[in-house]
Protein backbone atom coordinates (compact mmCIF):
# COMPACT_ATOMS: atom_id res chain seq x y z
CA UNK A 1 104.62 142.15 106.59
CA UNK A 2 105.23 138.03 106.47
CA UNK A 3 108.44 136.91 108.28
CA UNK A 4 109.64 133.51 107.00
CA UNK A 5 110.86 131.17 109.44
CA UNK A 6 112.46 127.62 108.94
CA UNK A 7 111.60 125.23 111.51
CA UNK A 8 113.23 121.42 111.53
CA UNK A 9 111.22 118.72 112.38
CA UNK A 10 112.89 115.23 113.80
CA UNK A 11 111.13 112.19 114.43
CA UNK A 12 111.59 110.62 117.79
CA UNK A 13 109.72 107.64 118.77
CA UNK A 14 105.92 108.16 117.47
CA UNK A 15 106.35 112.10 118.09
CA UNK A 16 107.75 114.55 115.42
CA UNK A 17 109.97 117.34 117.58
CA UNK A 18 109.59 120.58 115.84
CA UNK A 19 112.22 122.97 116.32
CA UNK A 20 112.37 126.80 115.32
CA UNK A 21 115.24 128.03 116.01
CA UNK A 22 115.13 131.51 118.26
CA UNK A 23 111.46 130.72 118.70
CA UNK A 24 110.89 127.24 120.66
CA UNK A 25 110.21 123.71 120.08
CA UNK A 26 107.13 121.85 119.97
CA UNK A 27 105.92 118.40 118.82
CA UNK A 28 103.22 116.74 116.62
CA UNK A 29 101.89 113.39 116.03
CA UNK A 30 102.05 113.68 111.77
CA UNK A 31 104.47 114.98 109.76
CA UNK A 32 101.12 116.83 107.97
CA UNK A 33 100.79 118.52 111.00
CA UNK A 34 104.00 119.79 111.59
CA UNK A 35 103.53 123.37 109.56
CA UNK A 36 100.76 124.27 111.42
CA UNK A 37 102.33 123.48 114.62
CA UNK A 38 105.57 125.22 113.61
CA UNK A 39 103.64 128.66 112.36
CA UNK A 40 101.32 128.75 115.78
CA UNK A 41 104.11 128.18 117.88
CA UNK A 42 105.64 131.04 116.28
CA UNK A 43 102.89 133.49 116.32
CA UNK A 44 102.03 132.51 120.26
CA UNK A 45 105.10 132.81 120.91
CA UNK A 46 106.32 136.07 119.60
CA UNK A 47 102.76 137.62 119.89
CA UNK A 48 102.37 138.02 116.13
CA UNK A 49 99.09 137.23 113.96
CA UNK A 50 99.50 134.14 112.59
CA UNK A 51 98.91 136.03 108.68
CA UNK A 52 102.20 137.77 109.48
CA UNK A 53 103.86 134.15 109.99
CA UNK A 54 105.22 132.26 107.18
CA UNK A 55 107.09 128.47 107.75
CA UNK A 56 109.09 126.27 105.85
CA UNK A 57 109.49 122.82 106.98
CA UNK A 58 112.93 120.67 106.30
CA UNK A 59 112.84 117.10 107.87
CA UNK A 60 116.48 116.78 109.80
CA UNK A 61 116.26 113.43 111.59
CA UNK A 62 114.28 109.95 111.48
CA UNK A 63 115.81 108.03 114.35
CA UNK A 64 119.54 107.61 113.40
CA UNK A 65 118.60 108.73 109.91
CA UNK A 66 119.97 111.92 108.60
CA UNK A 67 117.79 112.60 106.06
CA UNK A 68 118.39 116.30 105.70
CA UNK A 69 121.83 115.04 104.48
CA UNK A 70 120.30 111.76 102.19
CA UNK A 71 117.77 114.48 100.96
CA UNK A 72 120.71 116.72 99.78
CA UNK A 73 122.53 113.96 97.87
CA UNK A 74 119.33 112.91 95.94
CA UNK A 75 119.07 116.33 95.12
CA UNK A 76 122.10 116.44 93.66
CA UNK A 77 122.12 113.24 91.78
CA UNK A 78 118.59 114.02 90.35
CA UNK A 79 120.25 117.19 89.15
CA UNK A 80 123.39 115.30 87.94
CA UNK A 81 120.81 112.98 86.19
CA UNK A 82 118.86 115.49 84.50
CA UNK A 83 122.14 117.31 83.11
CA UNK A 84 123.20 114.42 81.90
CA UNK A 85 119.75 113.09 80.11
CA UNK A 86 119.72 116.84 78.40
CA UNK A 87 123.35 115.66 76.94
CA UNK A 88 122.25 112.65 75.85
CA UNK A 89 119.45 113.61 73.98
CA UNK A 90 121.35 116.40 72.23
CA UNK A 91 124.07 113.57 71.27
CA UNK A 92 121.21 111.68 69.89
CA UNK A 93 120.08 114.53 67.83
CA UNK A 94 123.02 114.97 66.53
CA UNK A 95 123.49 111.15 65.67
CA UNK A 96 120.41 111.11 63.95
CA UNK A 97 121.13 114.61 61.64
CA UNK A 98 124.71 113.30 60.66
CA UNK A 99 123.50 110.05 59.70
CA UNK A 100 120.66 111.49 57.63
CA UNK A 101 123.44 113.75 56.31
CA UNK A 102 124.84 110.37 55.20
CA UNK A 103 121.90 109.68 53.22
CA UNK A 104 121.16 106.94 55.69
CA UNK A 105 116.97 106.70 55.42
CA UNK A 106 115.00 107.64 58.77
CA UNK A 107 113.94 104.06 59.38
CA UNK A 108 117.68 102.98 59.53
CA UNK A 109 118.11 105.93 61.67
CA UNK A 110 115.59 105.04 64.01
CA UNK A 111 116.62 101.19 64.09
CA UNK A 112 120.09 102.18 65.04
CA UNK A 113 119.38 104.60 67.59
CA UNK A 114 116.23 102.57 69.33
CA UNK A 115 113.62 104.42 68.25
CA UNK A 116 110.34 104.79 66.04
CA UNK A 117 111.26 106.34 62.29
CA UNK A 118 108.81 108.77 63.45
CA UNK A 119 110.97 109.74 66.46
CA UNK A 120 114.04 109.67 64.25
CA UNK A 121 112.33 112.51 62.01
CA UNK A 122 111.72 114.85 64.91
CA UNK A 123 115.25 114.15 66.13
CA UNK A 124 116.35 115.84 62.81
CA UNK A 125 113.87 118.44 62.34
CA UNK A 126 114.23 119.44 65.96
């Protein structure tokens, strides 16, 4: 039975300090070694087989930069951008269908929307 632990990595000088709550702290020179070091820390400290340990890594800070907070903001912004992109695609297709319903040729629909007439056809057909 595997147990999952969350390791928090913070860059201090030339080292990553790795903290696993309720287990301990270790260090690594490179970020790509953090997961392995945390994995070993848990296994050795708790005296459990490596195969029984799963570790997820979160980068918390680099110097005075709050990486975790800024990543959370980026994720929210990307999700909002995806939502807006989906809405824009739907509005574009709806406009294309409305224009065709008013007998506007696909070439003209494409020109109005700034896409090729082939793409205008896809929007109307989709």
